[in-house]
Amino acid sequence: NESFRPDYDFSAARAHEFSREPSLNWVAN
């Protein structure tokens, strides 16, 4: 919300829209 304000509102976002990444290496790659 802070990053995309005022163009978007993410208040209705739910947990299933997020993921925990397995490792830093995976993300960096």
PDB file of all heavy atoms in Angstrom:
ATOM      1  N   ASN A   1       0.824  -1.215   0.000  1.00  0.00           N
ATOM      2  CA  ASN A   1       0.000   0.000   0.000  1.00  0.00           C
ATOM      3  C   ASN A   1       0.854   1.260   0.000  1.00  0.00           C
ATOM      4  O   ASN A   1       0.571   2.222  -0.715  1.00  0.00           O
ATOM      5  CB  ASN A   1      -0.935   0.004   1.212  1.00  0.00           C
ATOM      6  CG  ASN A   1      -2.186  -0.829   0.984  1.00  0.00           C
ATOM      7  OD1 ASN A   1      -2.613  -1.043  -0.148  1.00  0.00           O
ATOM      8  ND2 ASN A   1      -2.783  -1.302   2.060  1.00  0.00           N
ATOM      9  N   GLU A   2       1.910   1.251   0.814  1.00  0.00           N
ATOM     10  CA  GLU A   2       2.781   2.427   0.882  1.00  0.00           C
ATOM     11  C   GLU A   2       3.540   2.635  -0.420  1.00  0.00           C
ATOM     12  O   GLU A   2       3.711   3.764  -0.890  1.00  0.00           O
ATOM     13  CB  GLU A   2       3.773   2.265   2.041  1.00  0.00           C
ATOM     14  CG  GLU A   2       3.160   2.390   3.422  1.00  0.00           C
ATOM     15  CD  GLU A   2       2.604   3.779   3.676  1.00  0.00           C
ATOM     16  OE1 GLU A   2       3.210   4.772   3.206  1.00  0.00           O
ATOM     17  OE2 GLU A   2       1.553   3.885   4.335  1.00  0.00           O
ATOM     18  N   SER A   3       3.991   1.547  -1.028  1.00  0.00           N
ATOM     19  CA  SER A   3       4.808   1.641  -2.228  1.00  0.00           C
ATOM     20  C   SER A   3       4.006   2.083  -3.447  1.00  0.00           C
ATOM     21  O   SER A   3       4.512   2.829  -4.291  1.00  0.00           O
ATOM     22  CB  SER A   3       5.487   0.299  -2.515  1.00  0.00           C
ATOM     23  OG  SER A   3       6.340   0.387  -3.624  1.00  0.00           O
ATOM     24  N   PHE A   4       2.754   1.633  -3.552  1.00  0.00           N
ATOM     25  CA  PHE A   4       1.952   1.913  -4.742  1.00  0.00           C
ATOM     26  C   PHE A   4       0.872   2.968  -4.510  1.00  0.00           C
ATOM     27  O   PHE A   4       0.038   3.192  -5.383  1.00  0.00           O
ATOM     28  CB  PHE A   4       1.305   0.623  -5.261  1.00  0.00           C
ATOM     29  CG  PHE A   4       2.271  -0.344  -5.858  1.00  0.00           C
ATOM     30  CD1 PHE A   4       2.769  -1.402  -5.111  1.00  0.00           C
ATOM     31  CD2 PHE A   4       2.701  -0.207  -7.163  1.00  0.00           C
ATOM     32  CE1 PHE A   4       3.675  -2.307  -5.653  1.00  0.00           C
ATOM     33  CE2 PHE A   4       3.596  -1.103  -7.728  1.00  0.00           C
ATOM     34  CZ  PHE A   4       4.089  -2.146  -6.970  1.00  0.00           C
ATOM     35  N   ARG A   5       0.871   3.571  -3.329  1.00  0.00           N
ATOM     36  CA  ARG A   5      -0.092   4.625  -3.039  1.00  0.00           C
ATOM     37  C   ARG A   5       0.118   5.806  -3.982  1.00  0.00           C
ATOM     38  O   ARG A   5       1.261   6.170  -4.250  1.00  0.00           O
ATOM     39  CB  ARG A   5       0.118   5.087  -1.577  1.00  0.00           C
ATOM     40  CG  ARG A   5      -0.929   6.080  -1.074  1.00  0.00           C
ATOM     41  CD  ARG A   5      -0.515   6.650   0.277  1.00  0.00           C
ATOM     42  NE  ARG A   5      -0.222   5.668   1.284  1.00  0.00           N
ATOM     43  CZ  ARG A   5      -1.137   5.101   2.101  1.00  0.00           C
ATOM     44  NH1 ARG A   5      -2.404   5.440   1.982  1.00  0.00           N
ATOM     45  NH2 ARG A   5      -0.768   4.221   3.007  1.00  0.00           N
ATOM     46  N   PRO A   6      -0.926   6.453  -4.487  1.00  0.00           N
ATOM     47  CA  PRO A   6      -2.360   6.211  -4.290  1.00  0.00           C
ATOM     48  C   PRO A   6      -3.003   5.412  -5.425  1.00  0.00           C
ATOM     49  O   PRO A   6      -4.223   5.321  -5.493  1.00  0.00           O
ATOM     50  CB  PRO A   6      -2.916   7.637  -4.279  1.00  0.00           C
ATOM     51  CG  PRO A   6      -2.083   8.338  -5.317  1.00  0.00           C
ATOM     52  CD  PRO A   6      -0.699   7.733  -5.214  1.00  0.00           C
ATOM     53  N   ASP A   7      -2.199   4.841  -6.313  1.00  0.00           N
ATOM     54  CA  ASP A   7      -2.748   4.189  -7.507  1.00  0.00           C
ATOM     55  C   ASP A   7      -3.451   2.869  -7.219  1.00  0.00           C
ATOM     56  O   ASP A   7      -4.366   2.477  -7.938  1.00  0.00           O
ATOM     57  CB  ASP A   7      -1.637   3.956  -8.537  1.00  0.00           C
ATOM     58  CG  ASP A   7      -1.014   5.266  -9.015  1.00  0.00           C
ATOM     59  OD1 ASP A   7      -1.772   6.227  -9.198  1.00  0.00           O
ATOM     60  OD2 ASP A   7       0.223   5.317  -9.179  1.00  0.00           O
ATOM     61  N   TYR A   8      -2.983   2.168  -6.178  1.00  0.00           N
ATOM     62  CA  TYR A   8      -3.541   0.842  -5.886  1.00  0.00           C
ATOM     63  C   TYR A   8      -3.789   0.691  -4.392  1.00  0.00           C
ATOM     64  O   TYR A   8      -3.109   1.306  -3.571  1.00  0.00           O
ATOM     65  CB  TYR A   8      -2.594  -0.269  -6.348  1.00  0.00           C
ATOM     66  CG  TYR A   8      -2.316  -0.265  -7.834  1.00  0.00           C
ATOM     67  CD1 TYR A   8      -1.193   0.390  -8.343  1.00  0.00           C
ATOM     68  CD2 TYR A   8      -3.167  -0.903  -8.728  1.00  0.00           C
ATOM     69  CE1 TYR A   8      -0.929   0.401  -9.705  1.00  0.00           C
ATOM     70  CE2 TYR A   8      -2.916  -0.898 -10.087  1.00  0.00           C
ATOM     71  CZ  TYR A   8      -1.798  -0.243 -10.573  1.00  0.00           C
ATOM     72  OH  TYR A   8      -1.549  -0.227 -11.911  1.00  0.00           O
ATOM     73  N   ASP A   9      -4.768  -0.155  -4.063  1.00  0.00           N
ATOM     74  CA  ASP A   9      -5.084  -0.474  -2.674  1.00  0.00           C
ATOM     75  C   ASP A   9      -5.063  -1.996  -2.525  1.00  0.00           C
ATOM     76  O   ASP A   9      -5.806  -2.701  -3.197  1.00  0.00           O
ATOM     77  CB  ASP A   9      -6.464   0.075  -2.306  1.00  0.00           C
ATOM     78  CG  ASP A   9      -6.816  -0.172  -0.837  1.00  0.00           C
ATOM     79  OD1 ASP A   9      -5.959  -0.727  -0.098  1.00  0.00           O
ATOM     80  OD2 ASP A   9      -7.930   0.183  -0.430  1.00  0.00           O
ATOM     81  N   PHE A  10      -4.184  -2.489  -1.650  1.00  0.00           N
ATOM     82  CA  PHE A  10      -4.007  -3.934  -1.480  1.00  0.00           C
ATOM     83  C   PHE A  10      -4.644  -4.455  -0.191  1.00  0.00           C
ATOM     84  O   PHE A  10      -4.342  -5.560   0.252  1.00  0.00           O
ATOM     85  CB  PHE A  10      -2.515  -4.277  -1.475  1.00  0.00           C
ATOM     86  CG  PHE A  10      -1.815  -3.924  -2.751  1.00  0.00           C
ATOM     87  CD1 PHE A  10      -1.304  -2.651  -2.949  1.00  0.00           C
ATOM     88  CD2 PHE A  10      -1.687  -4.846  -3.780  1.00  0.00           C
ATOM     89  CE1 PHE A  10      -0.657  -2.307  -4.126  1.00  0.00           C
ATOM     90  CE2 PHE A  10      -1.053  -4.520  -4.964  1.00  0.00           C
ATOM     91  CZ  PHE A  10      -0.537  -3.240  -5.135  1.00  0.00           C
ATOM     92  N   SER A  11      -5.518  -3.665   0.402  1.00  0.00           N
ATOM     93  CA  SER A  11      -6.097  -4.037   1.698  1.00  0.00           C
ATOM     94  C   SER A  11      -6.855  -5.362   1.630  1.00  0.00           C
ATOM     95  O   SER A  11      -6.991  -6.057   2.643  1.00  0.00           O
ATOM     96  CB  SER A  11      -7.032  -2.926   2.192  1.00  0.00           C
ATOM     97  OG  SER A  11      -6.324  -1.708   2.332  1.00  0.00           O
ATOM     98  N   ALA A  12      -7.352  -5.709   0.459  1.00  0.00           N
ATOM     99  CA  ALA A  12      -8.117  -6.948   0.319  1.00  0.00           C
ATOM    100  C   ALA A  12      -7.239  -8.152  -0.030  1.00  0.00           C
ATOM    101  O   ALA A  12      -7.754  -9.254  -0.234  1.00  0.00           O
ATOM    102  CB  ALA A  12      -9.198  -6.772  -0.750  1.00  0.00           C
ATOM    103  N   ALA A  13      -5.929  -7.956  -0.100  1.00  0.00           N
ATOM    104  CA  ALA A  13      -5.024  -9.070  -0.438  1.00  0.00           C
ATOM    105  C   ALA A  13      -5.099 -10.159   0.631  1.00  0.00           C
ATOM    106  O   ALA A  13      -5.312  -9.876   1.814  1.00  0.00           O
ATOM    107  CB  ALA A  13      -3.597  -8.563  -0.576  1.00  0.00           C
ATOM    108  N   ARG A  14      -4.900 -11.406   0.225  1.00  0.00           N
ATOM    109  CA  ARG A  14      -4.988 -12.540   1.135  1.00  0.00           C
ATOM    110  C   ARG A  14      -3.683 -13.337   1.117  1.00  0.00           C
ATOM    111  O   ARG A  14      -2.854 -13.197   0.226  1.00  0.00           O
ATOM    112  CB  ARG A  14      -6.166 -13.444   0.749  1.00  0.00           C
ATOM    113  CG  ARG A  14      -7.528 -12.779   0.958  1.00  0.00           C
ATOM    114  CD  ARG A  14      -7.788 -12.523   2.436  1.00  0.00           C
ATOM    115  NE  ARG A  14      -9.061 -11.863   2.683  1.00  0.00           N
ATOM    116  CZ  ARG A  14      -9.201 -10.579   2.911  1.00  0.00           C
ATOM    117  NH1 ARG A  14      -8.116  -9.786   2.892  1.00  0.00           N
ATOM    118  NH2 ARG A  14     -10.394 -10.059   3.142  1.00  0.00           N
ATOM    119  N   ALA A  15      -3.529 -14.176   2.126  1.00  0.00           N
ATOM    120  CA  ALA A  15      -2.278 -14.920   2.319  1.00  0.00           C
ATOM    121  C   ALA A  15      -1.888 -15.733   1.094  1.00  0.00           C
ATOM    122  O   ALA A  15      -0.700 -15.854   0.770  1.00  0.00           O
ATOM    123  CB  ALA A  15      -2.393 -15.817   3.543  1.00  0.00           C
ATOM    124  N   HIS A  16      -2.870 -16.299   0.393  1.00  0.00           N
ATOM    125  CA  HIS A  16      -2.547 -17.171  -0.747  1.00  0.00           C
ATOM    126  C   HIS A  16      -1.936 -16.409  -1.916  1.00  0.00           C
ATOM    127  O   HIS A  16      -1.439 -17.023  -2.869  1.00  0.00           O
ATOM    128  CB  HIS A  16      -3.798 -17.929  -1.207  1.00  0.00           C
ATOM    129  CG  HIS A  16      -4.865 -17.046  -1.798  1.00  0.00           C
ATOM    130  ND1 HIS A  16      -4.837 -16.611  -3.110  1.00  0.00           N
ATOM    131  CD2 HIS A  16      -5.981 -16.501  -1.251  1.00  0.00           C
ATOM    132  CE1 HIS A  16      -5.885 -15.857  -3.353  1.00  0.00           C
ATOM    133  NE2 HIS A  16      -6.603 -15.767  -2.233  1.00  0.00           N
ATOM    134  N   GLU A  17      -1.956 -15.073  -1.865  1.00  0.00           N
ATOM    135  CA  GLU A  17      -1.329 -14.284  -2.916  1.00  0.00           C
ATOM    136  C   GLU A  17       0.159 -14.057  -2.645  1.00  0.00           C
ATOM    137  O   GLU A  17       0.856 -13.451  -3.471  1.00  0.00           O
ATOM    138  CB  GLU A  17      -2.037 -12.936  -3.048  1.00  0.00           C
ATOM    139  CG  GLU A  17      -3.496 -13.063  -3.463  1.00  0.00           C
ATOM    140  CD  GLU A  17      -4.181 -11.717  -3.579  1.00  0.00           C
ATOM    141  OE1 GLU A  17      -3.793 -10.942  -4.471  1.00  0.00           O
ATOM    142  OE2 GLU A  17      -5.089 -11.439  -2.761  1.00  0.00           O
ATOM    143  N   PHE A  18       0.648 -14.540  -1.505  1.00  0.00           N
ATOM    144  CA  PHE A  18       2.050 -14.402  -1.129  1.00  0.00           C
ATOM    145  C   PHE A  18       2.709 -15.776  -1.047  1.00  0.00           C
ATOM    146  O   PHE A  18       2.049 -16.794  -0.862  1.00  0.00           O
ATOM    147  CB  PHE A  18       2.180 -13.699   0.224  1.00  0.00           C
ATOM    148  CG  PHE A  18       1.645 -12.295   0.240  1.00  0.00           C
ATOM    149  CD1 PHE A  18       0.330 -12.044   0.616  1.00  0.00           C
ATOM    150  CD2 PHE A  18       2.443 -11.219  -0.128  1.00  0.00           C
ATOM    151  CE1 PHE A  18      -0.176 -10.756   0.634  1.00  0.00           C
ATOM    152  CE2 PHE A  18       1.955  -9.928  -0.120  1.00  0.00           C
ATOM    153  CZ  PHE A  18       0.639  -9.692   0.269  1.00  0.00           C
ATOM    154  N   SER A  19       4.030 -15.775  -1.200  1.00  0.00           N
ATOM    155  CA  SER A  19       4.816 -17.005  -1.078  1.00  0.00           C
ATOM    156  C   SER A  19       6.068 -16.719  -0.268  1.00  0.00           C
ATOM    157  O   SER A  19       6.576 -15.595  -0.289  1.00  0.00           O
ATOM    158  CB  SER A  19       5.236 -17.532  -2.461  1.00  0.00           C
ATOM    159  OG  SER A  19       4.118 -17.718  -3.307  1.00  0.00           O
ATOM    160  N   ARG A  20       6.535 -17.759   0.447  1.00  0.00           N
ATOM    161  CA  ARG A  20       7.838 -17.652   1.094  1.00  0.00           C
ATOM    162  C   ARG A  20       8.859 -18.318   0.185  1.00  0.00           C
ATOM    163  O   ARG A  20       8.724 -19.490  -0.178  1.00  0.00           O
ATOM    164  CB  ARG A  20       7.839 -18.319   2.468  1.00  0.00           C
ATOM    165  CG  ARG A  20       9.087 -17.983   3.310  1.00  0.00           C
ATOM    166  CD  ARG A  20       9.306 -19.018   4.415  1.00  0.00           C
ATOM    167  NE  ARG A  20       8.122 -19.235   5.208  1.00  0.00           N
ATOM    168  CZ  ARG A  20       7.818 -18.569   6.332  1.00  0.00           C
ATOM    169  NH1 ARG A  20       8.618 -17.626   6.758  1.00  0.00           N
ATOM    170  NH2 ARG A  20       6.715 -18.858   6.998  1.00  0.00           N
ATOM    171  N   GLU A  21       9.883 -17.568  -0.202  1.00  0.00           N
ATOM    172  CA  GLU A  21      10.879 -18.105  -1.124  1.00  0.00           C
ATOM    173  C   GLU A  21      11.802 -19.091  -0.409  1.00  0.00           C
ATOM    174  O   GLU A  21      12.120 -18.918   0.772  1.00  0.00           O
ATOM    175  CB  GLU A  21      11.694 -16.970  -1.735  1.00  0.00           C
ATOM    176  CG  GLU A  21      10.874 -16.025  -2.601  1.00  0.00           C
ATOM    177  CD  GLU A  21      10.232 -16.737  -3.775  1.00  0.00           C
ATOM    178  OE1 GLU A  21      10.913 -17.548  -4.423  1.00  0.00           O
ATOM    179  OE2 GLU A  21       9.048 -16.470  -4.051  1.00  0.00           O
ATOM    180  N   PRO A  22      12.223 -20.161  -1.107  1.00  0.00           N
ATOM    181  CA  PRO A  22      13.000 -21.229  -0.464  1.00  0.00           C
ATOM    182  C   PRO A  22      14.388 -20.805  -0.004  1.00  0.00           C
ATOM    183  O   PRO A  22      14.906 -21.338   0.974  1.00  0.00           O
ATOM    184  CB  PRO A  22      13.082 -22.311  -1.545  1.00  0.00           C
ATOM    185  CG  PRO A  22      12.853 -21.581  -2.835  1.00  0.00           C
ATOM    186  CD  PRO A  22      11.908 -20.470  -2.517  1.00  0.00           C
ATOM    187  N   SER A  23      15.024 -19.848  -0.690  1.00  0.00           N
ATOM    188  CA  SER A  23      16.371 -19.441  -0.297  1.00  0.00           C
ATOM    189  C   SER A  23      16.747 -18.147  -1.001  1.00  0.00           C
ATOM    190  O   SER A  23      16.144 -17.757  -2.008  1.00  0.00           O
ATOM    191  CB  SER A  23      17.404 -20.522  -0.643  1.00  0.00           C
ATOM    192  OG  SER A  23      17.590 -20.603  -2.058  1.00  0.00           O
ATOM    193  N   LEU A  24      17.777 -17.504  -0.477  1.00  0.00           N
ATOM    194  CA  LEU A  24      18.303 -16.296  -1.109  1.00  0.00           C
ATOM    195  C   LEU A  24      18.845 -16.607  -2.496  1.00  0.00           C
ATOM    196  O   LEU A  24      18.675 -15.821  -3.440  1.00  0.00           O
ATOM    197  CB  LEU A  24      19.396 -15.686  -0.231  1.00  0.00           C
ATOM    198  CG  LEU A  24      20.163 -14.493  -0.816  1.00  0.00           C
ATOM    199  CD1 LEU A  24      19.229 -13.342  -1.153  1.00  0.00           C
ATOM    200  CD2 LEU A  24      21.246 -14.036   0.165  1.00  0.00           C
ATOM    201  N   ASN A  25      19.498 -17.760  -2.645  1.00  0.00           N
ATOM    202  CA  ASN A  25      20.057 -18.122  -3.951  1.00  0.00           C
ATOM    203  C   ASN A  25      18.984 -18.236  -5.023  1.00  0.00           C
ATOM    204  O   ASN A  25      19.187 -17.828  -6.177  1.00  0.00           O
ATOM    205  CB  ASN A  25      20.839 -19.434  -3.847  1.00  0.00           C
ATOM    206  CG  ASN A  25      22.180 -19.253  -3.173  1.00  0.00           C
ATOM    207  OD1 ASN A  25      22.724 -18.148  -3.132  1.00  0.00           O
ATOM    208  ND2 ASN A  25      22.727 -20.329  -2.618  1.00  0.00           N
ATOM    209  N   TRP A  26      17.834 -18.821  -4.661  1.00  0.00           N
ATOM    210  CA  TRP A  26      16.739 -18.955  -5.611  1.00  0.00           C
ATOM    211  C   TRP A  26      16.285 -17.585  -6.087  1.00  0.00           C
ATOM    212  O   TRP A  26      16.077 -17.352  -7.283  1.00  0.00           O
ATOM    213  CB  TRP A  26      15.559 -19.704  -4.983  1.00  0.00           C
ATOM    214  CG  TRP A  26      15.675 -21.184  -5.052  1.00  0.00           C
ATOM    215  CD1 TRP A  26      16.158 -22.021  -4.079  1.00  0.00           C
ATOM    216  CD2 TRP A  26      15.332 -22.021  -6.160  1.00  0.00           C
ATOM    217  NE1 TRP A  26      16.131 -23.322  -4.517  1.00  0.00           N
ATOM    218  CE2 TRP A  26      15.624 -23.355  -5.785  1.00  0.00           C
ATOM    219  CE3 TRP A  26      14.804 -21.779  -7.422  1.00  0.00           C
ATOM    220  CZ2 TRP A  26      15.405 -24.440  -6.622  1.00  0.00           C
ATOM    221  CZ3 TRP A  26      14.575 -22.860  -8.268  1.00  0.00           C
ATOM    222  CH2 TRP A  26      14.887 -24.166  -7.868  1.00  0.00           C
ATOM    223  N   VAL A  27      16.121 -16.659  -5.145  1.00  0.00           N
ATOM    224  CA  VAL A  27      15.654 -15.321  -5.487  1.00  0.00           C
ATOM    225  C   VAL A  27      16.702 -14.582  -6.315  1.00  0.00           C
ATOM    226  O   VAL A  27      16.388 -13.946  -7.328  1.00  0.00           O
ATOM    227  CB  VAL A  27      15.310 -14.532  -4.212  1.00  0.00           C
ATOM    228  CG1 VAL A  27      14.991 -13.074  -4.547  1.00  0.00           C
ATOM    229  CG2 VAL A  27      14.145 -15.176  -3.482  1.00  0.00           C
ATOM    230  N   ALA A  28      17.964 -14.647  -5.889  1.00  0.00           N
ATOM    231  CA  ALA A  28      19.037 -13.962  -6.605  1.00  0.00           C
ATOM    232  C   ALA A  28      19.140 -14.465  -8.042  1.00  0.00           C
ATOM    233  O   ALA A  28      19.300 -13.672  -8.985  1.00  0.00           O
ATOM    234  CB  ALA A  28      20.366 -14.154  -5.875  1.00  0.00           C
ATOM    235  N   ASN A  29      19.032 -15.772  -8.227  1.00  0.00           N
ATOM    236  CA  ASN A  29      19.104 -16.332  -9.582  1.00  0.00           C
ATOM    237  C   ASN A  29      17.930 -15.862 -10.441  1.00  0.00           C
ATOM    238  O   ASN A  29      18.094 -15.566 -11.638  1.00  0.00           O
ATOM    239  CB  ASN A  29      19.125 -17.860  -9.522  1.00  0.00           C
ATOM    240  CG  ASN A  29      20.448 -18.403  -9.018  1.00  0.00           C
ATOM    241  OD1 ASN A  29      21.472 -17.734  -9.101  1.00  0.00           O
ATOM    242  ND2 ASN A  29      20.435 -19.611  -8.478  1.00  0.00           N
TER     243      ASN A  29
END
